[in-house]
Amino acid sequence: MKKKILAVLLATAMVGTMAGCGSEEVASTATDAAQTVADTADTAADTAAQAADAVADAVADAVDTTVDYGTGEIKVWVAEAVVDFTKEKIDTFMAAHPEFSGYTYVVEAVGEGDAAGNMITDVTAGADIFGFPQDQLARLVVAGALETVAPENVDAVRTQNDAGAVGAATVGDELYAYPVTSDNGYFLYYDKSVISDPSTLEGIMEQAEAAGKNVYFEINSGWYNTAFFFGTGCKLDYSIDSTGAFSGSDITYASDAGVVALREMIDLAASPSFQNGSSVSNATNVAAIVDGTWDSTAAKDLFGDNYACAKLPTFTGSDGKTYQLSGFGGFKLLGVKPQDDENKLAVCDALALYLSSEEVQQARYEAVGWGPSNLNVQASAAVKSDEALSALAEQLAFTIPQGQYPGDYWSLATGLGDDVITGVLNKDSSDDDLMAALQAFTDACAAAK
């Protein structure tokens, strides 16, 4: 009976008061609700709604309200900012599902990063359901701290959430977690009175220079300078062995594509308008800055009526080709711990799917501003009117989910960027010089711990 209650959650997410309905009535009501969404959503949202509608047809087969799901306690770890919100949603879930009344729920404030570390240290003592950042996924899988998403849930998760979030929850071909947000990444904030066209990096710099204004981009950060290298197609991947240790790497910075990326960083740094940085609060005389949603309030205060946002621009490489700046994307995921009791596992799966559902993602955005991964919520009027989240959503389509990287990588990436900023690597450097620098970087990263 492992994980056979997808439709319990799906029905709750669509029509929260379905408790007590017969399975055929639930399926019909859920289908009607999904169709209403499909009629009002845009193309991206339609896809998710149709998928939800299809899954809802399985309600009659997936839900058996006569099953005794047993008793017990389910521990849930979430970030402090959403503890009260999560408690309220669990109460709603429980009220709609008396068949789970034998369970009590304990919601504890444990930050996503701490939750992953705690689970890896002691899976048995860890939470049954827990939030974590996507860069901890591989470690959690190796530690045996994550149950795979139920096969009957996979289509719903994959089609109702954006591709970046789904990729962040996947190892190999297996889906291991439920996406909750797509809101950790970077994009462009800019002053629209100065930058009339933010589509190309060359254009942005030209407009900023003409106005005597600054453009901020933190190119000596291993998080930000991947925008150039991933944009040209370079790889920066690490594998982890059964003990959780780094066991190998696939790094292709020492390549023609890497030279194009590095030369673009050099061209950017040579502009009189370039400033190295990524914090709106520390920026001055700003025309544009590459930053994230965490600085949206500061950016609005800085630019006032001229506040605007966009995905990162394209650039024309030294090879004459056009590239889209890329980079890392970050996502919050919800994991379920493996359980000895199949009934408890089924309840945990239902609750995790509900807490990551369209209904709850919409409410969570309204309550605390977390950017949704659900396509329907992304297409909602409230989220679309949020310029920062809209720009980030567009940018995340071009990014790579941040995985697990050794500590040395970050200092090595800083060193590479510093060589550009200080002029060690400059416009007069030959392609051979740049290739040599990238080979040294690649070799050091491959040996990083």
Protein backbone atom coordinates (compact mmCIF):
# COMPACT_ATOMS: atom_id res chain seq x y z
CA MET A 1 0.00 0.00 0.00
CA LYS A 2 3.08 2.19 -0.11
CA LYS A 3 2.23 5.84 -0.82
CA LYS A 4 -1.21 5.28 -2.32
CA ILE A 5 -2.89 8.55 -1.35
CA LEU A 6 -1.83 11.19 -3.85
CA ALA A 7 -5.46 12.07 -4.51
CA VAL A 8 -6.12 12.78 -0.85
CA LEU A 9 -3.77 15.71 -1.08
CA LEU A 10 -4.82 16.69 -4.58
CA ALA A 11 -8.45 16.87 -3.56
CA THR A 12 -7.55 18.91 -0.48
CA ALA A 13 -5.45 21.33 -2.49
CA MET A 14 -8.26 21.93 -4.99
CA VAL A 15 -11.34 21.88 -2.78
CA GLY A 16 -10.33 21.98 0.85
CA THR A 17 -13.62 20.77 2.29
CA MET A 18 -14.00 17.40 0.59
CA ALA A 19 -13.74 15.28 3.77
CA GLY A 20 -16.44 12.67 3.97
CA CYS A 21 -17.25 12.67 0.24
CA GLY A 22 -17.40 9.41 -1.65
CA SER A 23 -14.48 8.74 -3.94
CA GLU A 24 -16.49 9.35 -7.13
CA GLU A 25 -17.78 12.68 -5.78
CA VAL A 26 -14.22 13.70 -4.82
CA ALA A 27 -12.94 12.86 -8.28
CA SER A 28 -15.73 14.83 -9.95
CA THR A 29 -15.30 17.90 -7.73
CA ALA A 30 -11.53 17.90 -8.07
CA THR A 31 -11.85 17.63 -11.84
CA ASP A 32 -14.25 20.56 -11.92
CA ALA A 33 -11.89 22.64 -9.80
CA ALA A 34 -8.93 21.83 -11.99
CA GLN A 35 -10.95 22.69 -15.10
CA THR A 36 -11.82 26.07 -13.62
CA VAL A 37 -8.12 26.76 -13.16
CA ALA A 38 -7.39 25.64 -16.69
CA ASP A 39 -10.03 27.99 -18.09
CA THR A 40 -8.47 31.03 -16.43
CA ALA A 41 -4.73 30.33 -16.48
CA ASP A 42 -2.24 31.15 -19.22
CA THR A 43 -0.49 28.51 -21.35
CA ALA A 44 2.08 27.48 -18.73
CA ALA A 45 -0.55 27.23 -16.04
CA ASP A 46 -2.86 25.27 -18.36
CA THR A 47 -0.29 22.50 -18.59
CA ALA A 48 -0.16 22.14 -14.81
CA ALA A 49 -3.94 22.29 -14.44
CA GLN A 50 -4.47 19.59 -17.04
CA ALA A 51 -1.95 17.40 -15.25
CA ALA A 52 -3.73 17.95 -11.94
CA ASP A 53 -7.03 17.08 -13.62
CA ALA A 54 -5.61 13.85 -14.99
CA VAL A 55 -4.22 12.83 -11.61
CA ALA A 56 -7.54 13.58 -9.96
CA ASP A 57 -9.15 10.88 -12.10
CA ALA A 58 -7.18 8.34 -10.05
CA VAL A 59 -8.89 9.32 -6.80
CA ALA A 60 -11.27 6.38 -6.78
CA ASP A 61 -8.38 3.92 -7.06
CA ALA A 62 -5.91 5.73 -4.80
CA VAL A 63 -8.03 6.60 -1.77
CA ASP A 64 -9.48 4.09 0.61
CA THR A 65 -11.07 5.91 3.51
CA THR A 66 -11.86 2.60 5.19
CA VAL A 67 -8.18 1.91 5.88
CA ASP A 68 -7.02 2.21 9.46
CA TYR A 69 -3.93 4.39 9.10
CA GLY A 70 -2.96 3.82 12.70
CA THR A 71 -1.67 6.27 15.26
CA GLY A 72 1.51 8.12 15.96
CA GLU A 73 3.34 11.41 15.87
CA ILE A 74 4.63 13.17 12.76
CA LYS A 75 7.44 15.65 13.28
CA VAL A 76 7.76 18.49 10.78
CA TRP A 77 10.77 20.82 10.47
CA VAL A 78 10.33 24.14 8.67
CA ALA A 79 12.00 27.55 8.72
CA GLU A 80 11.02 29.77 11.63
CA ALA A 81 9.32 32.24 9.29
CA VAL A 82 6.69 29.67 8.33
CA VAL A 83 6.12 27.75 11.57
CA ASP A 84 2.77 29.36 12.36
CA PHE A 85 1.73 29.21 8.71
CA THR A 86 2.56 25.50 8.54
CA LYS A 87 0.64 24.74 11.73
CA GLU A 88 -2.43 26.46 10.29
CA LYS A 89 -2.21 24.49 7.05
CA ILE A 90 -1.76 21.20 8.87
CA ASP A 91 -4.88 21.99 10.89
CA THR A 92 -6.73 22.54 7.62
CA PHE A 93 -5.39 19.27 6.26
CA MET A 94 -6.40 17.35 9.37
CA ALA A 95 -9.90 18.81 9.40
CA ALA A 96 -10.37 17.65 5.82
CA HIS A 97 -9.05 14.14 6.54
CA PRO A 98 -10.49 12.51 9.65
CA GLU A 99 -9.08 9.19 8.43
CA PHE A 100 -5.71 10.48 9.69
CA SER A 101 -7.03 11.55 13.08
CA GLY A 102 -4.86 9.00 14.88
CA TYR A 103 -1.81 11.17 14.22
CA THR A 104 -0.59 14.21 16.07
CA TYR A 105 1.75 16.74 14.51
CA VAL A 106 4.68 18.60 15.98
CA VAL A 107 6.01 21.54 13.96
CA GLU A 108 9.48 22.76 14.93
CA ALA A 109 11.54 25.71 13.75
CA VAL A 110 14.64 24.28 12.09
CA GLY A 111 16.25 26.23 9.24
CA GLU A 112 16.64 24.46 5.93
CA GLY A 113 20.45 24.21 6.14
CA ASP A 114 20.37 22.98 9.73
CA ALA A 115 17.62 20.50 8.94
CA ALA A 116 19.73 18.82 6.27
CA GLY A 117 22.76 18.63 8.56
CA ASN A 118 20.70 17.22 11.42
CA MET A 119 19.09 14.60 9.20
CA ILE A 120 22.43 13.44 7.85
CA THR A 121 23.85 13.21 11.38
CA ASP A 122 20.98 11.15 12.79
CA VAL A 123 18.24 10.04 10.42
CA THR A 124 16.34 8.14 13.10
CA ALA A 125 16.04 11.17 15.38
CA GLY A 126 15.26 13.52 12.51
CA ALA A 127 11.93 14.90 11.34
CA ASP A 128 9.46 12.84 9.32
CA ILE A 129 8.93 15.78 6.95
CA PHE A 130 11.50 18.54 6.56
CA GLY A 131 12.38 21.50 4.39
CA PHE A 132 15.87 21.75 2.91
CA PRO A 133 17.79 23.63 0.19
CA GLN A 134 18.37 21.80 -3.07
CA ASP A 135 22.15 21.80 -2.71
CA GLN A 136 21.81 19.26 0.11
CA LEU A 137 19.83 16.74 -1.94
CA ALA A 138 22.70 14.43 -2.89
CA ARG A 139 24.02 14.27 0.68
CA LEU A 140 20.56 13.46 2.01
CA VAL A 141 20.09 10.70 -0.56
CA VAL A 142 23.46 9.16 0.28
CA ALA A 143 22.62 9.31 3.99
CA GLY A 144 19.34 7.45 3.42
CA ALA A 145 17.37 10.40 4.79
CA LEU A 146 14.95 10.72 1.87
CA GLU A 147 12.18 8.50 0.58
CA THR A 148 11.62 8.75 -3.16
CA VAL A 149 8.44 10.47 -4.28
CA ALA A 150 5.70 7.91 -4.82
CA PRO A 151 5.36 6.79 -8.46
CA GLU A 152 1.74 7.94 -8.56
CA ASN A 153 2.83 11.41 -7.38
CA VAL A 154 5.65 11.91 -9.84
CA ASP A 155 3.63 13.16 -12.81
CA ALA A 156 1.82 15.72 -10.67
CA VAL A 157 5.05 17.07 -9.19
CA ARG A 158 6.85 17.17 -12.52
CA THR A 159 4.08 18.84 -14.50
CA GLN A 160 2.75 21.26 -11.90
CA ASN A 161 6.13 22.78 -10.96
CA ASP A 162 8.71 24.57 -13.07
CA ALA A 163 11.49 22.58 -14.69
CA GLY A 164 14.24 24.09 -12.54
CA ALA A 165 12.56 23.08 -9.30
CA VAL A 166 11.83 19.58 -10.59
CA GLY A 167 15.45 19.20 -11.68
CA ALA A 168 16.59 20.37 -8.25
CA ALA A 169 14.53 17.59 -6.64
CA THR A 170 15.92 14.87 -8.91
CA VAL A 171 18.96 12.61 -8.69
CA GLY A 172 19.50 10.54 -11.80
CA ASP A 173 16.02 9.52 -12.90
CA GLU A 174 14.54 9.51 -9.40
CA LEU A 175 12.43 12.29 -7.88
CA TYR A 176 13.31 12.57 -4.19
CA ALA A 177 11.47 15.64 -2.92
CA TYR A 178 8.50 17.96 -3.33
CA PRO A 179 9.35 21.44 -4.68
CA VAL A 180 8.16 24.32 -2.50
CA THR A 181 9.83 27.44 -3.94
CA SER A 182 11.71 28.79 -6.96
CA ASP A 183 13.02 31.98 -5.44
CA ASN A 184 16.76 31.71 -4.85
CA GLY A 185 18.79 33.05 -7.73
CA TYR A 186 19.89 36.32 -9.24
CA PHE A 187 18.67 38.64 -11.96
CA LEU A 188 18.91 42.30 -12.91
CA TYR A 189 17.57 45.26 -10.95
CA TYR A 190 17.90 48.48 -12.91
CA ASP A 191 17.00 52.16 -13.12
CA LYS A 192 14.66 52.41 -16.10
CA SER A 193 15.39 56.13 -16.48
CA VAL A 194 18.97 55.15 -17.33
CA ILE A 195 18.64 51.68 -18.85
CA SER A 196 15.90 51.71 -21.47
CA ASP A 197 16.90 48.33 -22.92
CA PRO A 198 18.29 45.71 -20.49
CA SER A 199 18.41 42.88 -23.03
CA THR A 200 22.18 42.85 -23.73
CA LEU A 201 25.16 43.28 -21.44
CA GLU A 202 26.91 45.45 -24.01
CA GLY A 203 23.88 47.71 -24.22
CA ILE A 204 23.56 48.00 -20.46
CA MET A 205 27.20 49.01 -20.08
CA GLU A 206 26.97 51.52 -22.94
CA GLN A 207 23.90 53.18 -21.42
CA ALA A 208 25.44 53.23 -17.93
CA GLU A 209 28.70 54.71 -19.21
CA ALA A 210 26.83 57.43 -21.09
CA ALA A 211 25.00 58.37 -17.89
CA GLY A 212 28.10 58.16 -15.68
CA LYS A 213 26.41 55.45 -13.60
CA ASN A 214 27.61 52.17 -12.09
CA VAL A 215 26.74 48.56 -12.91
CA TYR A 216 27.34 46.01 -10.13
CA PHE A 217 28.18 42.36 -10.78
CA GLU A 218 30.10 40.25 -8.22
CA ILE A 219 32.44 38.44 -10.59
CA ASN A 220 34.78 37.22 -7.83
CA SER A 221 32.03 35.07 -6.35
CA GLY A 222 31.72 31.39 -7.21
CA TRP A 223 27.97 31.80 -7.12
CA TYR A 224 27.75 34.77 -9.47
CA ASN A 225 30.55 34.18 -11.95
CA THR A 226 29.01 30.87 -13.03
CA ALA A 227 26.61 33.11 -15.00
CA PHE A 228 29.33 33.50 -17.62
CA PHE A 229 30.68 29.96 -17.67
CA PHE A 230 27.35 28.16 -17.59
CA GLY A 231 26.12 30.65 -20.17
CA THR A 232 28.72 29.46 -22.68
CA GLY A 233 28.07 25.81 -21.86
CA CYS A 234 30.82 24.97 -19.37
CA LYS A 235 30.26 22.26 -16.76
CA LEU A 236 31.03 22.33 -13.04
CA ASP A 237 29.79 19.06 -11.57
CA TYR A 238 30.89 17.01 -8.57
CA SER A 239 29.90 13.45 -7.70
CA ILE A 240 29.55 12.04 -4.20
CA ASP A 241 30.31 8.47 -3.10
CA SER A 242 28.37 6.25 -0.70
CA THR A 243 30.08 7.87 2.30
CA GLY A 244 29.06 11.37 1.25
CA ALA A 245 32.60 12.33 0.20
CA PHE A 246 33.41 14.02 -3.10
CA SER A 247 34.52 11.26 -5.43
CA GLY A 248 34.92 12.89 -8.82
CA SER A 249 34.25 15.92 -10.97
CA ASP A 250 33.32 17.01 -14.47
CA ILE A 251 34.70 20.53 -14.97
CA THR A 252 35.12 21.94 -18.47
CA TYR A 253 36.19 25.52 -17.78
CA ALA A 254 39.53 24.85 -19.54
CA SER A 255 37.93 24.91 -22.99
CA ASP A 256 37.13 27.27 -25.82
CA ALA A 257 33.79 27.95 -24.13
CA GLY A 258 35.62 28.81 -20.92
CA VAL A 259 37.89 31.25 -22.72
CA VAL A 260 34.85 33.03 -24.20
CA ALA A 261 33.29 33.29 -20.72
CA LEU A 262 36.48 34.53 -19.07
CA ARG A 263 37.12 37.10 -21.78
CA GLU A 264 33.59 38.46 -21.31
CA MET A 265 34.30 38.88 -17.59
CA ILE A 266 37.46 40.77 -18.54
CA ASP A 267 35.55 43.02 -20.94
CA LEU A 268 32.96 43.77 -18.25
CA ALA A 269 35.59 44.57 -15.62
CA ALA A 270 37.34 46.95 -18.04
CA SER A 271 34.30 49.22 -18.25
CA PRO A 272 34.52 52.46 -16.21
CA SER A 273 30.99 51.73 -15.03
CA PHE A 274 31.80 48.29 -13.62
CA GLN A 275 31.68 47.77 -9.85
CA ASN A 276 32.24 44.42 -8.17
CA GLY A 277 29.40 43.71 -5.78
CA SER A 278 25.91 42.29 -5.33
CA SER A 279 24.37 44.19 -2.41
CA VAL A 280 21.93 46.99 -3.17
CA SER A 281 22.48 48.44 0.29
CA ASN A 282 26.21 48.89 -0.39
CA ALA A 283 25.83 50.22 -3.95
CA THR A 284 26.07 53.86 -5.03
CA ASN A 285 25.25 55.79 -8.19
CA VAL A 286 23.56 52.67 -9.54
CA ALA A 287 22.25 52.11 -13.04
CA ALA A 288 21.93 48.32 -12.62
CA ILE A 289 22.89 45.55 -10.21
CA VAL A 290 22.79 41.76 -10.34
CA ASP A 291 21.17 40.68 -7.08
CA GLY A 292 18.36 38.52 -5.69
CA THR A 293 14.83 38.75 -4.29
CA TRP A 294 16.16 39.20 -0.75
CA ASP A 295 17.12 42.76 -1.75
CA SER A 296 13.86 43.67 -3.50
CA THR A 297 12.76 46.10 -0.80
CA ALA A 298 16.12 47.85 -0.80
CA ALA A 299 16.06 48.01 -4.61
CA LYS A 300 12.60 49.58 -4.60
CA ASP A 301 13.79 52.17 -2.10
CA LEU A 302 16.90 52.86 -4.17
CA PHE A 303 15.27 53.27 -7.57
CA GLY A 304 11.86 54.60 -6.49
CA ASP A 305 9.60 55.24 -9.46
CA ASN A 306 12.37 54.05 -11.79
CA TYR A 307 12.53 50.59 -10.21
CA ALA A 308 12.58 47.78 -12.78
CA CYS A 309 13.67 44.13 -13.03
CA ALA A 310 14.64 41.76 -15.84
CA LYS A 311 16.31 38.42 -16.41
CA LEU A 312 20.04 38.59 -16.94
CA PRO A 313 21.04 39.91 -20.37
CA THR A 314 22.66 38.15 -23.28
CA PHE A 315 26.17 38.97 -24.46
CA THR A 316 28.10 38.61 -27.70
CA GLY A 317 31.15 36.49 -27.07
CA SER A 318 34.63 36.91 -28.48
CA ASP A 319 33.71 34.20 -30.98
CA GLY A 320 30.87 36.34 -32.33
CA LYS A 321 28.13 34.10 -30.90
CA THR A 322 25.31 35.27 -28.63
CA TYR A 323 25.06 33.74 -25.16
CA GLN A 324 22.47 34.02 -22.39
CA LEU A 325 23.96 34.66 -18.96
CA SER A 326 23.07 31.71 -16.76
CA GLY A 327 24.22 30.82 -13.24
CA PHE A 328 23.02 28.92 -10.23
CA GLY A 329 19.39 28.57 -9.25
CA GLY A 330 18.21 27.82 -5.74
CA PHE A 331 15.07 26.04 -4.58
CA LYS A 332 13.46 24.98 -1.33
CA LEU A 333 12.30 21.38 -1.22
CA LEU A 334 10.24 19.28 1.17
CA GLY A 335 11.49 15.79 1.96
CA VAL A 336 9.91 12.74 3.56
CA LYS A 337 12.02 10.42 5.72
CA PRO A 338 11.80 6.65 5.04
CA GLN A 339 9.44 4.93 7.45
CA ASP A 340 9.15 1.37 8.75
CA ASP A 341 5.38 1.81 9.04
CA GLU A 342 3.82 1.94 5.55
CA ASN A 343 0.66 3.57 6.91
CA LYS A 344 2.63 6.39 8.51
CA LEU A 345 4.61 6.81 5.31
CA ALA A 346 1.36 7.18 3.36
CA VAL A 347 0.17 9.92 5.73
CA CYS A 348 3.53 11.71 5.54
CA ASP A 349 3.41 11.64 1.75
CA ALA A 350 -0.09 13.04 1.70
CA LEU A 351 0.87 15.87 4.02
CA ALA A 352 4.09 16.67 2.11
CA LEU A 353 2.20 16.80 -1.18
CA TYR A 354 -0.41 19.07 0.37
CA LEU A 355 2.18 21.42 1.91
CA SER A 356 3.80 21.74 -1.54
CA SER A 357 0.51 22.04 -3.43
CA GLU A 358 -0.78 24.93 -5.50
CA GLU A 359 -3.19 26.02 -2.77
CA VAL A 360 -0.51 26.14 -0.09
CA GLN A 361 2.16 27.70 -2.31
CA GLN A 362 -0.27 30.51 -3.16
CA ALA A 363 -1.11 31.05 0.50
CA ARG A 364 2.57 30.88 1.51
CA TYR A 365 3.47 33.54 -1.05
CA GLU A 366 0.72 35.79 0.28
CA ALA A 367 1.75 35.16 3.90
CA VAL A 368 5.54 35.41 3.76
CA GLY A 369 6.46 36.20 0.14
CA TRP A 370 8.16 32.92 -0.75
CA GLY A 371 8.37 32.60 -4.54
CA PRO A 372 6.37 29.62 -5.82
CA SER A 373 7.56 26.73 -7.96
CA ASN A 374 3.99 25.84 -8.93
CA LEU A 375 3.20 27.00 -12.47
CA ASN A 376 -0.36 28.06 -11.69
CA VAL A 377 0.77 30.19 -8.76
CA GLN A 378 3.55 31.71 -10.86
CA ALA A 379 0.86 32.67 -13.37
CA SER A 380 -1.40 34.24 -10.73
CA ALA A 381 -2.04 37.97 -10.83
CA ALA A 382 -0.34 38.52 -7.47
CA VAL A 383 2.92 36.83 -8.45
CA LYS A 384 2.95 38.28 -11.96
CA SER A 385 2.68 41.75 -10.47
CA ASP A 386 5.77 41.04 -8.35
CA GLU A 387 8.47 42.30 -10.72
CA ALA A 388 11.36 40.68 -8.86
CA LEU A 389 9.79 37.23 -8.76
CA SER A 390 8.72 37.49 -12.39
CA ALA A 391 12.25 38.38 -13.47
CA LEU A 392 13.69 35.55 -11.36
CA ALA A 393 11.21 33.03 -12.76
CA GLU A 394 12.29 33.97 -16.27
CA GLN A 395 15.97 33.75 -15.34
CA LEU A 396 15.65 30.39 -13.59
CA ALA A 397 14.73 28.84 -16.94
CA PHE A 398 18.38 29.38 -17.93
CA THR A 399 20.07 28.32 -14.69
CA ILE A 400 21.45 25.13 -13.17
CA PRO A 401 20.32 24.01 -9.69
CA GLN A 402 23.20 24.49 -7.29
CA GLY A 403 24.52 21.15 -6.13
CA GLN A 404 27.01 20.23 -3.43
CA TYR A 405 30.45 21.83 -3.92
CA PRO A 406 33.62 21.47 -1.87
CA GLY A 407 34.63 24.44 0.23
CA ASP A 408 37.81 24.97 -1.77
CA TYR A 409 35.79 25.63 -4.93
CA TRP A 410 34.42 28.89 -3.54
CA SER A 411 37.82 30.30 -2.66
CA LEU A 412 39.24 29.19 -6.01
CA ALA A 413 36.41 30.93 -7.86
CA THR A 414 37.06 34.08 -5.84
CA GLY A 415 40.71 33.92 -6.83
CA LEU A 416 39.84 33.60 -10.52
CA GLY A 417 37.56 36.62 -10.32
CA ASP A 418 40.15 38.59 -8.36
CA ASP A 419 42.68 37.99 -11.15
CA VAL A 420 40.24 39.66 -13.53
CA ILE A 421 39.46 42.57 -11.22
CA THR A 422 43.11 43.31 -10.45
CA GLY A 423 44.18 43.01 -14.07
CA VAL A 424 46.32 39.89 -13.78
CA LEU A 425 44.06 38.64 -16.55
CA ASN A 426 43.24 41.49 -18.92
CA LYS A 427 42.36 42.45 -22.49
CA ASP A 428 45.94 41.96 -23.56
CA SER A 429 46.03 38.40 -22.26
CA SER A 430 46.17 35.91 -25.12
CA ASP A 431 43.76 33.03 -25.46
CA ASP A 432 46.65 30.76 -24.48
CA ASP A 433 47.14 32.81 -21.30
CA LEU A 434 43.46 32.50 -20.47
CA MET A 435 43.42 28.78 -21.23
CA ALA A 436 46.39 28.26 -18.93
CA ALA A 437 44.62 30.13 -16.12
CA LEU A 438 41.46 28.09 -16.65
CA GLN A 439 43.43 24.83 -16.72
CA ALA A 440 45.06 25.70 -13.39
CA PHE A 441 41.62 26.57 -11.98
CA THR A 442 40.11 23.34 -13.30
CA ASP A 443 42.91 21.20 -11.90
CA ALA A 444 42.62 22.87 -8.50
CA CYS A 445 38.84 22.46 -8.48
CA ALA A 446 39.16 18.77 -9.38
CA ALA A 447 41.42 18.31 -6.35
CA ALA A 448 39.25 20.47 -4.07
CA LYS A 449 37.98 19.17 -0.76
